[in-house]
């Protein structure tokens, strides 16, 4: 089975911007990642927090564009390289 390449980095605390989403209301959201699970990201916004499904979004961290679907593993397993 071919393994999808993913980003082996911690996202919690990173500033992200959603550049594409299946939900048009999510496009353009900017905030700090407060929590991450296997399937979701929670970002802190000026007006509260928002939980986003990874499989539905493409986001920018720094200058890197990342498909949320490539991160659909537990964060601790992704960082360890499992």
N, C-alpha and C. Protein backbone atom coordinates (compact mmCIF):
# COMPACT_ATOMS: atom_id res chain seq x y z
N UNK A 1 0.85 -1.17 0.00
CA UNK A 1 0.00 0.00 0.00
C UNK A 1 0.90 1.24 0.00
N UNK A 2 0.62 2.18 -0.88
CA UNK A 2 1.40 3.41 -0.96
C UNK A 2 0.94 4.37 0.12
N UNK A 3 1.89 4.90 0.86
CA UNK A 3 1.58 5.81 1.96
C UNK A 3 1.59 7.25 1.45
N UNK A 4 0.55 7.99 1.79
CA UNK A 4 0.47 9.39 1.39
C UNK A 4 1.47 10.22 2.16
N UNK A 5 2.18 11.08 1.44
CA UNK A 5 3.17 11.95 2.08
C UNK A 5 2.44 12.97 2.95
N UNK A 6 2.93 13.16 4.15
CA UNK A 6 2.30 14.13 5.05
C UNK A 6 3.35 15.00 5.72
N UNK A 7 2.89 16.03 6.35
CA UNK A 7 3.76 16.96 7.04
C UNK A 7 3.98 16.46 8.47
N UNK A 8 5.23 16.19 8.82
CA UNK A 8 5.54 15.71 10.16
C UNK A 8 5.92 16.89 11.04
N UNK A 9 4.94 17.69 11.38
CA UNK A 9 5.18 18.85 12.21
C UNK A 9 4.00 19.07 13.13
N UNK A 10 4.25 19.74 14.22
CA UNK A 10 3.20 20.07 15.17
C UNK A 10 2.45 21.29 14.65
N UNK A 11 1.14 21.21 14.57
CA UNK A 11 0.33 22.34 14.09
C UNK A 11 -0.22 23.19 15.22
N UNK A 12 -0.35 22.63 16.42
CA UNK A 12 -0.92 23.39 17.53
C UNK A 12 -0.02 24.59 17.81
N UNK A 13 -0.65 25.76 17.83
CA UNK A 13 0.07 27.00 18.03
C UNK A 13 0.42 27.72 16.73
N UNK A 14 0.26 27.05 15.61
CA UNK A 14 0.57 27.65 14.31
C UNK A 14 -0.57 28.53 13.82
N UNK A 15 -0.23 29.59 13.11
CA UNK A 15 -1.22 30.43 12.45
C UNK A 15 -1.55 29.78 11.11
N UNK A 16 -2.84 29.62 10.80
CA UNK A 16 -3.23 29.05 9.52
C UNK A 16 -4.28 29.94 8.86
N UNK A 17 -4.40 29.76 7.55
CA UNK A 17 -5.45 30.42 6.78
C UNK A 17 -6.06 29.38 5.85
N UNK A 18 -7.38 29.26 5.87
CA UNK A 18 -8.07 28.31 5.00
C UNK A 18 -8.19 28.94 3.62
N UNK A 19 -7.59 28.30 2.60
CA UNK A 19 -7.64 28.86 1.25
C UNK A 19 -8.63 28.13 0.36
N UNK A 20 -9.07 26.94 0.76
CA UNK A 20 -10.06 26.19 -0.01
C UNK A 20 -10.82 25.27 0.94
N UNK A 21 -12.12 25.15 0.68
CA UNK A 21 -12.95 24.30 1.54
C UNK A 21 -14.20 23.89 0.79
N UNK A 22 -14.76 22.74 1.16
CA UNK A 22 -16.04 22.35 0.59
C UNK A 22 -17.16 23.21 1.15
N UNK A 23 -16.91 23.87 2.29
CA UNK A 23 -17.86 24.81 2.87
C UNK A 23 -17.36 26.23 2.56
N UNK A 24 -18.05 26.95 1.68
CA UNK A 24 -17.59 28.29 1.30
C UNK A 24 -17.46 29.26 2.48
N UNK A 25 -18.17 29.04 3.55
CA UNK A 25 -18.08 29.92 4.73
C UNK A 25 -16.73 29.79 5.44
N UNK A 26 -16.02 28.69 5.24
CA UNK A 26 -14.74 28.47 5.89
C UNK A 26 -13.57 29.12 5.15
N UNK A 27 -13.74 29.40 3.86
CA UNK A 27 -12.66 29.98 3.06
C UNK A 27 -12.31 31.37 3.60
N UNK A 28 -11.02 31.59 3.82
CA UNK A 28 -10.55 32.87 4.33
C UNK A 28 -10.41 32.94 5.83
N UNK A 29 -10.86 31.91 6.56
CA UNK A 29 -10.70 31.92 8.01
C UNK A 29 -9.22 31.91 8.37
N UNK A 30 -8.84 32.75 9.32
CA UNK A 30 -7.46 32.83 9.79
C UNK A 30 -7.47 32.70 11.31
N UNK A 31 -6.55 31.94 11.83
CA UNK A 31 -6.47 31.82 13.27
C UNK A 31 -5.35 30.91 13.70
N UNK A 32 -5.24 30.75 15.01
CA UNK A 32 -4.21 29.90 15.61
C UNK A 32 -4.82 28.54 15.91
N UNK A 33 -4.09 27.47 15.58
CA UNK A 33 -4.57 26.12 15.85
C UNK A 33 -4.50 25.88 17.36
N UNK A 34 -5.67 25.60 17.95
CA UNK A 34 -5.77 25.38 19.39
C UNK A 34 -5.75 23.90 19.74
N UNK A 35 -6.26 23.06 18.84
CA UNK A 35 -6.33 21.62 19.10
C UNK A 35 -6.38 20.90 17.78
N UNK A 36 -5.94 19.65 17.80
CA UNK A 36 -5.96 18.82 16.60
C UNK A 36 -6.30 17.39 17.00
N UNK A 37 -7.19 16.78 16.25
CA UNK A 37 -7.49 15.36 16.40
C UNK A 37 -7.21 14.68 15.07
N UNK A 38 -7.51 13.41 14.99
CA UNK A 38 -7.28 12.66 13.75
C UNK A 38 -8.05 13.29 12.58
N UNK A 39 -9.25 13.75 12.82
CA UNK A 39 -10.12 14.23 11.75
C UNK A 39 -10.35 15.73 11.72
N UNK A 40 -9.98 16.46 12.79
CA UNK A 40 -10.34 17.88 12.86
C UNK A 40 -9.20 18.78 13.33
N UNK A 41 -9.37 20.06 13.03
CA UNK A 41 -8.54 21.13 13.58
C UNK A 41 -9.47 22.10 14.27
N UNK A 42 -9.08 22.59 15.44
CA UNK A 42 -9.83 23.65 16.12
C UNK A 42 -8.97 24.89 16.03
N UNK A 43 -9.52 25.96 15.43
CA UNK A 43 -8.76 27.19 15.33
C UNK A 43 -9.43 28.29 16.14
N UNK A 44 -8.59 29.10 16.78
CA UNK A 44 -9.08 30.25 17.55
C UNK A 44 -9.21 31.44 16.62
N UNK A 45 -10.39 32.02 16.60
CA UNK A 45 -10.67 33.20 15.80
C UNK A 45 -10.86 34.39 16.72
N UNK A 46 -10.94 35.57 16.17
CA UNK A 46 -11.18 36.76 16.97
C UNK A 46 -12.53 36.67 17.68
N UNK A 47 -13.48 35.95 17.11
CA UNK A 47 -14.83 35.86 17.66
C UNK A 47 -15.16 34.49 18.27
N UNK A 48 -14.16 33.74 18.64
CA UNK A 48 -14.41 32.43 19.24
C UNK A 48 -13.52 31.37 18.64
N UNK A 49 -14.05 30.15 18.52
CA UNK A 49 -13.28 29.08 17.91
C UNK A 49 -14.14 28.35 16.89
N UNK A 50 -13.47 27.62 16.00
CA UNK A 50 -14.16 26.91 14.93
C UNK A 50 -13.48 25.57 14.74
N UNK A 51 -14.28 24.50 14.65
CA UNK A 51 -13.76 23.16 14.39
C UNK A 51 -13.94 22.87 12.91
N UNK A 52 -12.86 22.50 12.24
CA UNK A 52 -12.86 22.24 10.81
C UNK A 52 -12.50 20.78 10.54
N UNK A 53 -13.20 20.16 9.61
CA UNK A 53 -12.84 18.81 9.19
C UNK A 53 -11.64 18.88 8.27
N UNK A 54 -10.60 18.13 8.59
CA UNK A 54 -9.38 18.16 7.78
C UNK A 54 -9.65 17.75 6.34
N UNK A 55 -10.51 16.74 6.14
CA UNK A 55 -10.73 16.22 4.79
C UNK A 55 -11.38 17.25 3.87
N UNK A 56 -11.96 18.30 4.43
CA UNK A 56 -12.68 19.29 3.63
C UNK A 56 -11.87 20.54 3.29
N UNK A 57 -10.66 20.68 3.82
CA UNK A 57 -9.96 21.96 3.67
C UNK A 57 -8.55 21.83 3.08
N UNK A 58 -8.12 22.92 2.50
CA UNK A 58 -6.72 23.14 2.14
C UNK A 58 -6.35 24.43 2.84
N UNK A 59 -5.22 24.44 3.55
CA UNK A 59 -4.87 25.61 4.32
C UNK A 59 -3.40 25.96 4.15
N UNK A 60 -3.07 27.18 4.55
CA UNK A 60 -1.71 27.69 4.44
C UNK A 60 -1.14 27.85 5.85
N UNK A 61 0.07 27.30 6.05
CA UNK A 61 0.82 27.48 7.28
C UNK A 61 2.15 28.08 6.85
N UNK A 62 2.42 29.31 7.29
CA UNK A 62 3.63 30.00 6.83
C UNK A 62 3.50 30.25 5.33
N UNK A 63 4.40 29.66 4.56
CA UNK A 63 4.33 29.78 3.10
C UNK A 63 3.99 28.45 2.45
N UNK A 64 3.56 27.48 3.25
CA UNK A 64 3.30 26.12 2.76
C UNK A 64 1.80 25.86 2.67
N UNK A 65 1.35 25.37 1.52
CA UNK A 65 -0.05 25.00 1.32
C UNK A 65 -0.18 23.51 1.62
N UNK A 66 -1.14 23.16 2.49
CA UNK A 66 -1.29 21.78 2.95
C UNK A 66 -2.73 21.30 2.75
N UNK A 67 -2.88 20.12 2.16
CA UNK A 67 -4.19 19.49 2.07
C UNK A 67 -4.49 18.85 3.41
N UNK A 68 -5.61 19.19 3.99
CA UNK A 68 -5.99 18.62 5.27
C UNK A 68 -6.10 17.11 5.22
N UNK A 69 -6.51 16.58 4.07
CA UNK A 69 -6.67 15.12 3.94
C UNK A 69 -5.33 14.39 4.07
N UNK A 70 -4.22 15.07 3.81
CA UNK A 70 -2.91 14.42 3.95
C UNK A 70 -2.49 14.30 5.41
N UNK A 71 -3.23 14.97 6.31
CA UNK A 71 -2.91 14.95 7.74
C UNK A 71 -3.89 14.10 8.54
N UNK A 72 -4.68 13.28 7.88
CA UNK A 72 -5.73 12.54 8.58
C UNK A 72 -5.17 11.33 9.32
N UNK A 73 -4.31 11.61 10.27
CA UNK A 73 -3.80 10.63 11.22
C UNK A 73 -3.73 11.32 12.56
N UNK A 74 -3.59 10.54 13.60
CA UNK A 74 -3.43 11.15 14.92
C UNK A 74 -2.15 11.98 14.91
N UNK A 75 -2.20 13.19 15.45
CA UNK A 75 -1.02 14.05 15.41
C UNK A 75 0.22 13.41 16.00
N UNK A 76 0.07 12.69 17.10
CA UNK A 76 1.23 12.08 17.73
C UNK A 76 1.84 10.99 16.86
N UNK A 77 1.04 10.27 16.08
CA UNK A 77 1.57 9.25 15.17
C UNK A 77 2.25 9.90 13.98
N UNK A 78 1.69 11.01 13.50
CA UNK A 78 2.27 11.71 12.35
C UNK A 78 3.66 12.25 12.71
N UNK A 79 3.79 12.81 13.90
CA UNK A 79 5.06 13.39 14.32
C UNK A 79 6.12 12.31 14.55
N UNK A 80 5.71 11.16 15.11
CA UNK A 80 6.63 10.05 15.34
C UNK A 80 7.05 9.38 14.05
N UNK A 81 6.24 9.56 12.98
CA UNK A 81 6.57 8.93 11.70
C UNK A 81 5.97 7.54 11.54
N UNK A 82 4.96 7.21 12.32
CA UNK A 82 4.31 5.89 12.22
C UNK A 82 3.37 5.85 11.06
